[in-house]
């Protein structure tokens, strides 16, 4: 199986979340607790991000909402492909503590 890929790779995923989430956090405390969080979503057969959920919550509803809204507005990914080259869904987990 060929994994789903974000345009520009992992570095660009980090840049995306930095601009859409991290830079919107105003308090030092918010910036510290985001690093314990992770978000899970599906990249469908067309490359669209669907069904984002907090895998590990920030324990702050406002911060979780920011993460989920950003994830819902991600650009399309290159979808995963199975062994015969057909586009397939793939679940993705982004862990913020790992540098996004």
PDB file of N, CA and C in Angstrom:
ATOM      1  N   UNK A   1       0.839  -1.181   0.000  1.00  0.00           N
ATOM      2  CA  UNK A   1       0.000   0.000   0.000  1.00  0.00           C
ATOM      3  C   UNK A   1       0.890   1.251   0.000  1.00  0.00           C
ATOM      4  N   UNK A   2       0.506   2.217  -0.755  1.00  0.00           N
ATOM      5  CA  UNK A   2       1.180   3.510  -0.795  1.00  0.00           C
ATOM      6  C   UNK A   2       0.431   4.444   0.159  1.00  0.00           C
ATOM      7  N   UNK A   3       1.136   5.000   1.123  1.00  0.00           N
ATOM      8  CA  UNK A   3       0.535   5.857   2.142  1.00  0.00           C
ATOM      9  C   UNK A   3       0.016   7.164   1.549  1.00  0.00           C
ATOM     10  N   UNK A   4      -1.014   7.732   2.195  1.00  0.00           N
ATOM     11  CA  UNK A   4      -1.491   9.069   1.846  1.00  0.00           C
ATOM     12  C   UNK A   4      -0.396  10.072   2.191  1.00  0.00           C
ATOM     13  N   UNK A   5      -0.259  11.107   1.377  1.00  0.00           N
ATOM     14  CA  UNK A   5       0.774  12.107   1.632  1.00  0.00           C
ATOM     15  C   UNK A   5       0.192  13.513   1.577  1.00  0.00           C
ATOM     16  N   UNK A   6       0.674  14.337   2.474  1.00  0.00           N
ATOM     17  CA  UNK A   6       0.289  15.746   2.515  1.00  0.00           C
ATOM     18  C   UNK A   6       1.142  16.500   1.506  1.00  0.00           C
ATOM     19  N   UNK A   7       0.569  17.471   0.781  1.00  0.00           N
ATOM     20  CA  UNK A   7       1.363  18.232  -0.188  1.00  0.00           C
ATOM     21  C   UNK A   7       2.568  18.894   0.483  1.00  0.00           C
ATOM     22  N   UNK A   8       3.749  18.506   0.100  1.00  0.00           N
ATOM     23  CA  UNK A   8       4.967  19.057   0.676  1.00  0.00           C
ATOM     24  C   UNK A   8       5.537  18.228   1.809  1.00  0.00           C
ATOM     25  N   UNK A   9       4.814  17.182   2.225  1.00  0.00           N
ATOM     26  CA  UNK A   9       5.330  16.268   3.248  1.00  0.00           C
ATOM     27  C   UNK A   9       5.104  16.726   4.675  1.00  0.00           C
ATOM     28  N   UNK A  10       5.768  16.018   5.600  1.00  0.00           N
ATOM     29  CA  UNK A  10       5.569  16.249   7.027  1.00  0.00           C
ATOM     30  C   UNK A  10       5.939  17.660   7.479  1.00  0.00           C
ATOM     31  N   UNK A  11       6.960  18.222   6.871  1.00  0.00           N
ATOM     32  CA  UNK A  11       7.355  19.582   7.245  1.00  0.00           C
ATOM     33  C   UNK A  11       6.217  20.561   6.962  1.00  0.00           C
ATOM     34  N   UNK A  12       5.504  20.357   5.865  1.00  0.00           N
ATOM     35  CA  UNK A  12       4.398  21.250   5.518  1.00  0.00           C
ATOM     36  C   UNK A  12       3.184  21.022   6.422  1.00  0.00           C
ATOM     37  N   UNK A  13       2.999  19.785   6.922  1.00  0.00           N
ATOM     38  CA  UNK A  13       1.933  19.549   7.906  1.00  0.00           C
ATOM     39  C   UNK A  13       2.234  20.376   9.155  1.00  0.00           C
ATOM     40  N   UNK A  14       3.481  20.334   9.601  1.00  0.00           N
ATOM     41  CA  UNK A  14       3.884  21.117  10.771  1.00  0.00           C
ATOM     42  C   UNK A  14       3.651  22.606  10.525  1.00  0.00           C
ATOM     43  N   UNK A  15       4.013  23.087   9.348  1.00  0.00           N
ATOM     44  CA  UNK A  15       3.803  24.497   9.000  1.00  0.00           C
ATOM     45  C   UNK A  15       2.317  24.841   9.018  1.00  0.00           C
ATOM     46  N   UNK A  16       1.487  23.936   8.479  1.00  0.00           N
ATOM     47  CA  UNK A  16       0.043  24.156   8.436  1.00  0.00           C
ATOM     48  C   UNK A  16      -0.503  24.333   9.851  1.00  0.00           C
ATOM     49  N   UNK A  17      -0.197  23.383  10.734  1.00  0.00           N
ATOM     50  CA  UNK A  17      -0.718  23.464  12.096  1.00  0.00           C
ATOM     51  C   UNK A  17      -0.112  24.631  12.874  1.00  0.00           C
ATOM     52  N   UNK A  18       1.120  24.979  12.564  1.00  0.00           N
ATOM     53  CA  UNK A  18       1.719  26.136  13.233  1.00  0.00           C
ATOM     54  C   UNK A  18       0.944  27.397  12.876  1.00  0.00           C
ATOM     55  N   UNK A  19       0.634  27.575  11.587  1.00  0.00           N
ATOM     56  CA  UNK A  19      -0.062  28.794  11.168  1.00  0.00           C
ATOM     57  C   UNK A  19      -1.540  28.792  11.556  1.00  0.00           C
ATOM     58  N   UNK A  20      -2.174  27.634  11.552  1.00  0.00           N
ATOM     59  CA  UNK A  20      -3.621  27.558  11.802  1.00  0.00           C
ATOM     60  C   UNK A  20      -3.990  27.301  13.258  1.00  0.00           C
ATOM     61  N   UNK A  21      -3.040  26.812  14.046  1.00  0.00           N
ATOM     62  CA  UNK A  21      -3.351  26.485  15.441  1.00  0.00           C
ATOM     63  C   UNK A  21      -2.371  27.178  16.393  1.00  0.00           C
ATOM     64  N   UNK A  22      -1.114  26.812  16.329  1.00  0.00           N
ATOM     65  CA  UNK A  22      -0.128  27.274  17.311  1.00  0.00           C
ATOM     66  C   UNK A  22      -0.048  28.797  17.350  1.00  0.00           C
ATOM     67  N   UNK A  23       0.005  29.449  16.192  1.00  0.00           N
ATOM     68  CA  UNK A  23       0.118  30.909  16.149  1.00  0.00           C
ATOM     69  C   UNK A  23      -1.140  31.620  16.640  1.00  0.00           C
ATOM     70  N   UNK A  24      -2.257  30.902  16.746  1.00  0.00           N
ATOM     71  CA  UNK A  24      -3.502  31.501  17.243  1.00  0.00           C
ATOM     72  C   UNK A  24      -3.619  31.419  18.766  1.00  0.00           C
ATOM     73  N   UNK A  25      -2.730  30.677  19.390  1.00  0.00           N
ATOM     74  CA  UNK A  25      -2.780  30.533  20.840  1.00  0.00           C
ATOM     75  C   UNK A  25      -2.090  31.726  21.478  1.00  0.00           C
ATOM     76  N   UNK A  26      -2.797  32.374  22.369  1.00  0.00           N
ATOM     77  CA  UNK A  26      -2.271  33.610  22.924  1.00  0.00           C
ATOM     78  C   UNK A  26      -1.531  33.414  24.237  1.00  0.00           C
ATOM     79  N   UNK A  27      -1.907  32.405  24.984  1.00  0.00           N
ATOM     80  CA  UNK A  27      -1.323  32.234  26.308  1.00  0.00           C
ATOM     81  C   UNK A  27      -0.271  31.134  26.296  1.00  0.00           C
ATOM     82  N   UNK A  28       0.751  31.329  27.101  1.00  0.00           N
ATOM     83  CA  UNK A  28       1.813  30.339  27.212  1.00  0.00           C
ATOM     84  C   UNK A  28       1.253  28.989  27.653  1.00  0.00           C
ATOM     85  N   UNK A  29       0.264  29.007  28.541  1.00  0.00           N
ATOM     86  CA  UNK A  29      -0.352  27.771  29.030  1.00  0.00           C
ATOM     87  C   UNK A  29      -0.999  27.011  27.878  1.00  0.00           C
ATOM     88  N   UNK A  30      -1.698  27.717  26.987  1.00  0.00           N
ATOM     89  CA  UNK A  30      -2.317  27.071  25.823  1.00  0.00           C
ATOM     90  C   UNK A  30      -1.256  26.403  24.957  1.00  0.00           C
ATOM     91  N   UNK A  31      -0.156  27.090  24.762  1.00  0.00           N
ATOM     92  CA  UNK A  31       0.902  26.545  23.918  1.00  0.00           C
ATOM     93  C   UNK A  31       1.539  25.316  24.548  1.00  0.00           C
ATOM     94  N   UNK A  32       1.557  25.249  25.869  1.00  0.00           N
ATOM     95  CA  UNK A  32       2.123  24.079  26.535  1.00  0.00           C
ATOM     96  C   UNK A  32       1.181  22.884  26.454  1.00  0.00           C
ATOM     97  N   UNK A  33      -0.130  23.087  26.655  1.00  0.00           N
ATOM     98  CA  UNK A  33      -1.032  21.931  26.688  1.00  0.00           C
ATOM     99  C   UNK A  33      -1.321  21.363  25.301  1.00  0.00           C
ATOM    100  N   UNK A  34      -1.139  22.154  24.258  1.00  0.00           N
ATOM    101  CA  UNK A  34      -1.380  21.632  22.902  1.00  0.00           C
ATOM    102  C   UNK A  34      -0.412  20.499  22.580  1.00  0.00           C
ATOM    103  N   UNK A  35       0.771  20.500  23.185  1.00  0.00           N
ATOM    104  CA  UNK A  35       1.778  19.496  22.862  1.00  0.00           C
ATOM    105  C   UNK A  35       1.411  18.101  23.342  1.00  0.00           C
ATOM    106  N   UNK A  36       0.407  17.996  24.213  1.00  0.00           N
ATOM    107  CA  UNK A  36      -0.048  16.682  24.673  1.00  0.00           C
ATOM    108  C   UNK A  36      -1.145  16.109  23.786  1.00  0.00           C
ATOM    109  N   UNK A  37      -1.595  16.872  22.823  1.00  0.00           N
ATOM    110  CA  UNK A  37      -2.757  16.493  22.015  1.00  0.00           C
ATOM    111  C   UNK A  37      -2.365  15.778  20.729  1.00  0.00           C
ATOM    112  N   UNK A  38      -3.352  15.052  20.189  1.00  0.00           N
ATOM    113  CA  UNK A  38      -3.218  14.498  18.843  1.00  0.00           C
ATOM    114  C   UNK A  38      -4.604  14.438  18.211  1.00  0.00           C
ATOM    115  N   UNK A  39      -4.619  14.553  16.901  1.00  0.00           N
ATOM    116  CA  UNK A  39      -5.872  14.534  16.145  1.00  0.00           C
ATOM    117  C   UNK A  39      -5.817  13.376  15.154  1.00  0.00           C
ATOM    118  N   UNK A  40      -6.967  12.718  14.992  1.00  0.00           N
ATOM    119  CA  UNK A  40      -7.086  11.569  14.092  1.00  0.00           C
ATOM    120  C   UNK A  40      -8.135  11.919  13.043  1.00  0.00           C
ATOM    121  N   UNK A  41      -7.867  11.549  11.786  1.00  0.00           N
ATOM    122  CA  UNK A  41      -8.819  11.812  10.706  1.00  0.00           C
ATOM    123  C   UNK A  41      -8.601  10.806   9.592  1.00  0.00           C
ATOM    124  N   UNK A  42      -9.517  10.812   8.646  1.00  0.00           N
ATOM    125  CA  UNK A  42      -9.425   9.922   7.494  1.00  0.00           C
ATOM    126  C   UNK A  42      -9.156  10.769   6.256  1.00  0.00           C
ATOM    127  N   UNK A  43      -8.216  10.317   5.440  1.00  0.00           N
ATOM    128  CA  UNK A  43      -8.029  10.882   4.104  1.00  0.00           C
ATOM    129  C   UNK A  43      -8.777   9.939   3.170  1.00  0.00           C
ATOM    130  N   UNK A  44      -9.846  10.458   2.533  1.00  0.00           N
ATOM    131  CA  UNK A  44     -10.668   9.584   1.695  1.00  0.00           C
ATOM    132  C   UNK A  44     -10.029   9.331   0.331  1.00  0.00           C
ATOM    133  N   UNK A  45     -10.743   8.614  -0.510  1.00  0.00           N
ATOM    134  CA  UNK A  45     -10.213   8.214  -1.819  1.00  0.00           C
ATOM    135  C   UNK A  45      -9.926   9.386  -2.745  1.00  0.00           C
ATOM    136  N   UNK A  46     -10.513  10.556  -2.449  1.00  0.00           N
ATOM    137  CA  UNK A  46     -10.266  11.737  -3.278  1.00  0.00           C
ATOM    138  C   UNK A  46      -9.183  12.637  -2.691  1.00  0.00           C
ATOM    139  N   UNK A  47      -8.694  12.295  -1.474  1.00  0.00           N
ATOM    140  CA  UNK A  47      -7.683  13.111  -0.813  1.00  0.00           C
ATOM    141  C   UNK A  47      -8.259  14.104   0.182  1.00  0.00           C
ATOM    142  N   UNK A  48      -9.591  14.100   0.338  1.00  0.00           N
ATOM    143  CA  UNK A  48     -10.248  15.019   1.264  1.00  0.00           C
ATOM    144  C   UNK A  48     -10.120  14.499   2.691  1.00  0.00           C
ATOM    145  N   UNK A  49      -9.864  15.421   3.625  1.00  0.00           N
ATOM    146  CA  UNK A  49      -9.814  15.088   5.048  1.00  0.00           C
ATOM    147  C   UNK A  49     -11.240  14.999   5.573  1.00  0.00           C
ATOM    148  N   UNK A  50     -11.558  13.882   6.234  1.00  0.00           N
ATOM    149  CA  UNK A  50     -12.900  13.688   6.777  1.00  0.00           C
ATOM    150  C   UNK A  50     -12.825  13.186   8.214  1.00  0.00           C
ATOM    151  N   UNK A  51     -13.908  13.406   8.937  1.00  0.00           N
ATOM    152  CA  UNK A  51     -14.127  12.835  10.259  1.00  0.00           C
ATOM    153  C   UNK A  51     -13.000  13.094  11.265  1.00  0.00           C
ATOM    154  N   UNK A  52     -12.518  14.347  11.385  1.00  0.00           N
ATOM    155  CA  UNK A  52     -11.467  14.592  12.373  1.00  0.00           C
ATOM    156  C   UNK A  52     -12.006  14.468  13.791  1.00  0.00           C
ATOM    157  N   UNK A  53     -11.211  13.873  14.654  1.00  0.00           N
ATOM    158  CA  UNK A  53     -11.545  13.715  16.064  1.00  0.00           C
ATOM    159  C   UNK A  53     -10.266  13.871  16.867  1.00  0.00           C
ATOM    160  N   UNK A  54     -10.419  14.355  18.061  1.00  0.00           N
ATOM    161  CA  UNK A  54      -9.262  14.438  18.947  1.00  0.00           C
ATOM    162  C   UNK A  54      -8.963  13.034  19.448  1.00  0.00           C
ATOM    163  N   UNK A  55      -7.780  12.519  19.120  1.00  0.00           N
ATOM    164  CA  UNK A  55      -7.374  11.228  19.663  1.00  0.00           C
ATOM    165  C   UNK A  55      -7.014  11.415  21.136  1.00  0.00           C
ATOM    166  N   UNK A  56      -6.241  12.462  21.408  1.00  0.00           N
ATOM    167  CA  UNK A  56      -5.943  12.878  22.775  1.00  0.00           C
ATOM    168  C   UNK A  56      -6.279  14.355  22.882  1.00  0.00           C
ATOM    169  N   UNK A  57      -7.258  14.661  23.708  1.00  0.00           N
ATOM    170  CA  UNK A  57      -7.744  16.019  23.876  1.00  0.00           C
ATOM    171  C   UNK A  57      -6.716  16.896  24.566  1.00  0.00           C
ATOM    172  N   UNK A  58      -6.836  18.181  24.347  1.00  0.00           N
ATOM    173  CA  UNK A  58      -6.041  19.158  25.086  1.00  0.00           C
ATOM    174  C   UNK A  58      -6.628  19.373  26.478  1.00  0.00           C
ATOM    175  N   UNK A  59      -7.834  18.857  26.701  1.00  0.00           N
ATOM    176  CA  UNK A  59      -8.622  19.077  27.919  1.00  0.00           C
ATOM    177  C   UNK A  59      -9.140  20.509  27.994  1.00  0.00           C
ATOM    178  N   UNK A  60      -9.138  21.177  26.870  1.00  0.00           N
ATOM    179  CA  UNK A  60      -9.667  22.532  26.762  1.00  0.00           C
ATOM    180  C   UNK A  60     -10.530  22.566  25.504  1.00  0.00           C
ATOM    181  N   UNK A  61     -11.834  22.701  25.689  1.00  0.00           N
ATOM    182  CA  UNK A  61     -12.773  22.634  24.556  1.00  0.00           C
ATOM    183  C   UNK A  61     -12.455  23.665  23.483  1.00  0.00           C
ATOM    184  N   UNK A  62     -12.021  24.855  23.883  1.00  0.00           N
ATOM    185  CA  UNK A  62     -11.692  25.908  22.909  1.00  0.00           C
ATOM    186  C   UNK A  62     -10.510  25.486  22.040  1.00  0.00           C
ATOM    187  N   UNK A  63      -9.479  24.932  22.665  1.00  0.00           N
ATOM    188  CA  UNK A  63      -8.306  24.501  21.901  1.00  0.00           C
ATOM    189  C   UNK A  63      -8.635  23.315  20.995  1.00  0.00           C
ATOM    190  N   UNK A  64      -9.398  22.358  21.515  1.00  0.00           N
ATOM    191  CA  UNK A  64      -9.809  21.225  20.684  1.00  0.00           C
ATOM    192  C   UNK A  64     -10.567  21.719  19.456  1.00  0.00           C
ATOM    193  N   UNK A  65     -11.435  22.697  19.652  1.00  0.00           N
ATOM    194  CA  UNK A  65     -12.218  23.242  18.532  1.00  0.00           C
ATOM    195  C   UNK A  65     -11.305  23.876  17.479  1.00  0.00           C
ATOM    196  N   UNK A  66     -10.281  24.604  17.918  1.00  0.00           N
ATOM    197  CA  UNK A  66      -9.334  25.222  16.978  1.00  0.00           C
ATOM    198  C   UNK A  66      -8.631  24.142  16.154  1.00  0.00           C
ATOM    199  N   UNK A  67      -8.187  23.074  16.828  1.00  0.00           N
ATOM    200  CA  UNK A  67      -7.492  21.980  16.136  1.00  0.00           C
ATOM    201  C   UNK A  67      -8.429  21.319  15.120  1.00  0.00           C
ATOM    202  N   UNK A  68      -9.658  21.028  15.531  1.00  0.00           N
ATOM    203  CA  UNK A  68     -10.600  20.339  14.640  1.00  0.00           C
ATOM    204  C   UNK A  68     -10.989  21.215  13.453  1.00  0.00           C
ATOM    205  N   UNK A  69     -11.202  22.503  13.683  1.00  0.00           N
ATOM    206  CA  UNK A  69     -11.535  23.414  12.572  1.00  0.00           C
ATOM    207  C   UNK A  69     -10.386  23.496  11.574  1.00  0.00           C
ATOM    208  N   UNK A  70      -9.166  23.593  12.080  1.00  0.00           N
ATOM    209  CA  UNK A  70      -8.002  23.643  11.183  1.00  0.00           C
ATOM    210  C   UNK A  70      -7.921  22.365  10.371  1.00  0.00           C
ATOM    211  N   UNK A  71      -8.098  21.226  11.029  1.00  0.00           N
ATOM    212  CA  UNK A  71      -8.012  19.937  10.343  1.00  0.00           C
ATOM    213  C   UNK A  71      -9.092  19.828   9.272  1.00  0.00           C
ATOM    214  N   UNK A  72     -10.299  20.282   9.579  1.00  0.00           N
ATOM    215  CA  UNK A  72     -11.384  20.256   8.592  1.00  0.00           C
ATOM    216  C   UNK A  72     -11.072  21.104   7.368  1.00  0.00           C
ATOM    217  N   UNK A  73     -10.220  22.098   7.529  1.00  0.00           N
ATOM    218  CA  UNK A  73      -9.904  23.009   6.427  1.00  0.00           C
ATOM    219  C   UNK A  73      -8.547  22.733   5.783  1.00  0.00           C
ATOM    220  N   UNK A  74      -7.996  21.556   6.027  1.00  0.00           N
ATOM    221  CA  UNK A  74      -6.720  21.196   5.398  1.00  0.00           C
ATOM    222  C   UNK A  74      -6.886  21.090   3.886  1.00  0.00           C
ATOM    223  N   UNK A  75      -5.819  21.399   3.160  1.00  0.00           N
ATOM    224  CA  UNK A  75      -5.875  21.150   1.717  1.00  0.00           C
ATOM    225  C   UNK A  75      -5.941  19.645   1.446  1.00  0.00           C
ATOM    226  N   UNK A  76      -6.312  19.307   0.224  1.00  0.00           N
ATOM    227  CA  UNK A  76      -6.389  17.890  -0.147  1.00  0.00           C
ATOM    228  C   UNK A  76      -5.019  17.229  -0.077  1.00  0.00           C
ATOM    229  N   UNK A  77      -5.042  15.969   0.308  1.00  0.00           N
ATOM    230  CA  UNK A  77      -3.863  15.122   0.341  1.00  0.00           C
ATOM    231  C   UNK A  77      -3.805  14.303  -0.941  1.00  0.00           C
ATOM    232  N   UNK A  78      -2.655  13.694  -1.197  1.00  0.00           N
ATOM    233  CA  UNK A  78      -2.558  12.648  -2.219  1.00  0.00           C
ATOM    234  C   UNK A  78      -3.072  11.390  -1.528  1.00  0.00           C
ATOM    235  N   UNK A  79      -4.181  10.798  -2.003  1.00  0.00           N
ATOM    236  CA  UNK A  79      -4.750   9.651  -1.282  1.00  0.00           C
ATOM    237  C   UNK A  79      -3.849   8.421  -1.311  1.00  0.00           C
ATOM    238  N   UNK A  80      -4.083   7.550  -0.341  1.00  0.00           N
ATOM    239  CA  UNK A  80      -3.374   6.266  -0.293  1.00  0.00           C
ATOM    240  C   UNK A  80      -3.813   5.413  -1.478  1.00  0.00           C
ATOM    241  N   UNK A  81      -2.958   4.491  -1.875  1.00  0.00           N
ATOM    242  CA  UNK A  81      -3.284   3.556  -2.957  1.00  0.00           C
ATOM    243  C   UNK A  81      -3.039   2.143  -2.470  1.00  0.00           C
ATOM    244  N   UNK A  82      -3.916   1.243  -2.887  1.00  0.00           N
ATOM    245  CA  UNK A  82      -3.712  -0.166  -2.520  1.00  0.00           C
ATOM    246  C   UNK A  82      -2.735  -0.818  -3.488  1.00  0.00           C
ATOM    247  N   UNK A  83      -2.545  -2.124  -3.347  1.00  0.00           N
ATOM    248  CA  UNK A  83      -1.546  -2.854  -4.138  1.00  0.00           C
ATOM    249  C   UNK A  83      -1.796  -2.795  -5.638  1.00  0.00           C
ATOM    250  N   UNK A  84      -3.055  -2.598  -6.059  1.00  0.00           N
ATOM    251  CA  UNK A  84      -3.352  -2.536  -7.497  1.00  0.00           C
ATOM    252  C   UNK A  84      -3.476  -1.101  -8.004  1.00  0.00           C
ATOM    253  N   UNK A  85      -3.109  -0.139  -7.135  1.00  0.00           N
ATOM    254  CA  UNK A  85      -3.091   1.261  -7.562  1.00  0.00           C
ATOM    255  C   UNK A  85      -4.405   1.997  -7.411  1.00  0.00           C
ATOM    256  N   UNK A  86      -5.378   1.382  -6.765  1.00  0.00           N
ATOM    257  CA  UNK A  86      -6.680   2.031  -6.555  1.00  0.00           C
ATOM    258  C   UNK A  86      -6.601   2.917  -5.313  1.00  0.00           C
ATOM    259  N   UNK A  87      -7.160   4.154  -5.417  1.00  0.00           N
ATOM    260  CA  UNK A  87      -7.207   5.050  -4.271  1.00  0.00           C
ATOM    261  C   UNK A  87      -8.059   4.434  -3.168  1.00  0.00           C
ATOM    262  N   UNK A  88      -7.568   4.507  -1.930  1.00  0.00           N
ATOM    263  CA  UNK A  88      -8.278   3.963  -0.779  1.00  0.00           C
ATOM    264  C   UNK A  88      -8.204   4.956   0.383  1.00  0.00           C
ATOM    265  N   UNK A  89      -9.115   4.793   1.345  1.00  0.00           N
ATOM    266  CA  UNK A  89      -9.113   5.610   2.556  1.00  0.00           C
ATOM    267  C   UNK A  89      -7.949   5.205   3.444  1.00  0.00           C
ATOM    268  N   UNK A  90      -7.454   6.178   4.218  1.00  0.00           N
ATOM    269  CA  UNK A  90      -6.422   5.879   5.198  1.00  0.00           C
ATOM    270  C   UNK A  90      -6.631   6.762   6.417  1.00  0.00           C
ATOM    271  N   UNK A  91      -6.517   6.169   7.600  1.00  0.00           N
ATOM    272  CA  UNK A  91      -6.584   6.933   8.836  1.00  0.00           C
ATOM    273  C   UNK A  91      -5.203   7.513   9.134  1.00  0.00           C
ATOM    274  N   UNK A  92      -5.200   8.785   9.531  1.00  0.00           N
ATOM    275  CA  UNK A  92      -3.972   9.517   9.834  1.00  0.00           C
ATOM    276  C   UNK A  92      -4.067  10.031  11.267  1.00  0.00           C
ATOM    277  N   UNK A  93      -2.963   9.993  11.979  1.00  0.00           N
ATOM    278  CA  UNK A  93      -2.889  10.590  13.317  1.00  0.00           C
ATOM    279  C   UNK A  93      -1.750  11.595  13.322  1.00  0.00           C
ATOM    280  N   UNK A  94      -2.054  12.806  13.755  1.00  0.00           N
ATOM    281  CA  UNK A  94      -1.034  13.844  13.893  1.00  0.00           C
ATOM    282  C   UNK A  94      -0.860  14.093  15.386  1.00  0.00           C
ATOM    283  N   UNK A  95       0.348  13.870  15.855  1.00  0.00           N
ATOM    284  CA  UNK A  95       0.691  14.094  17.269  1.00  0.00           C
ATOM    285  C   UNK A  95       1.467  15.395  17.374  1.00  0.00           C
ATOM    286  N   UNK A  96       0.955  16.317  18.153  1.00  0.00           N
ATOM    287  CA  UNK A  96       1.597  17.622  18.257  1.00  0.00           C
ATOM    288  C   UNK A  96       2.900  17.557  19.044  1.00  0.00           C
ATOM    289  N   UNK A  97       3.001  16.686  20.010  1.00  0.00           N
ATOM    290  CA  UNK A  97       4.204  16.561  20.831  1.00  0.00           C
ATOM    291  C   UNK A  97       5.408  16.126  20.022  1.00  0.00           C
ATOM    292  N   UNK A  98       5.184  15.510  18.884  1.00  0.00           N
ATOM    293  CA  UNK A  98       6.289  15.063  18.038  1.00  0.00           C
ATOM    294  C   UNK A  98       6.725  16.139  17.074  1.00  0.00           C
ATOM    295  N   UNK A  99       6.356  17.391  17.346  1.00  0.00           N
ATOM    296  CA  UNK A  99       6.718  18.482  16.450  1.00  0.00           C
ATOM    297  C   UNK A  99       5.730  18.610  15.322  1.00  0.00           C
ATOM    298  N   UNK A 100       4.527  18.056  15.544  1.00  0.00           N
ATOM    299  CA  UNK A 100       3.445  18.022  14.558  1.00  0.00           C
ATOM    300  C   UNK A 100       3.790  16.956  13.559  1.00  0.00           C
TER     301      UNK A 100
END
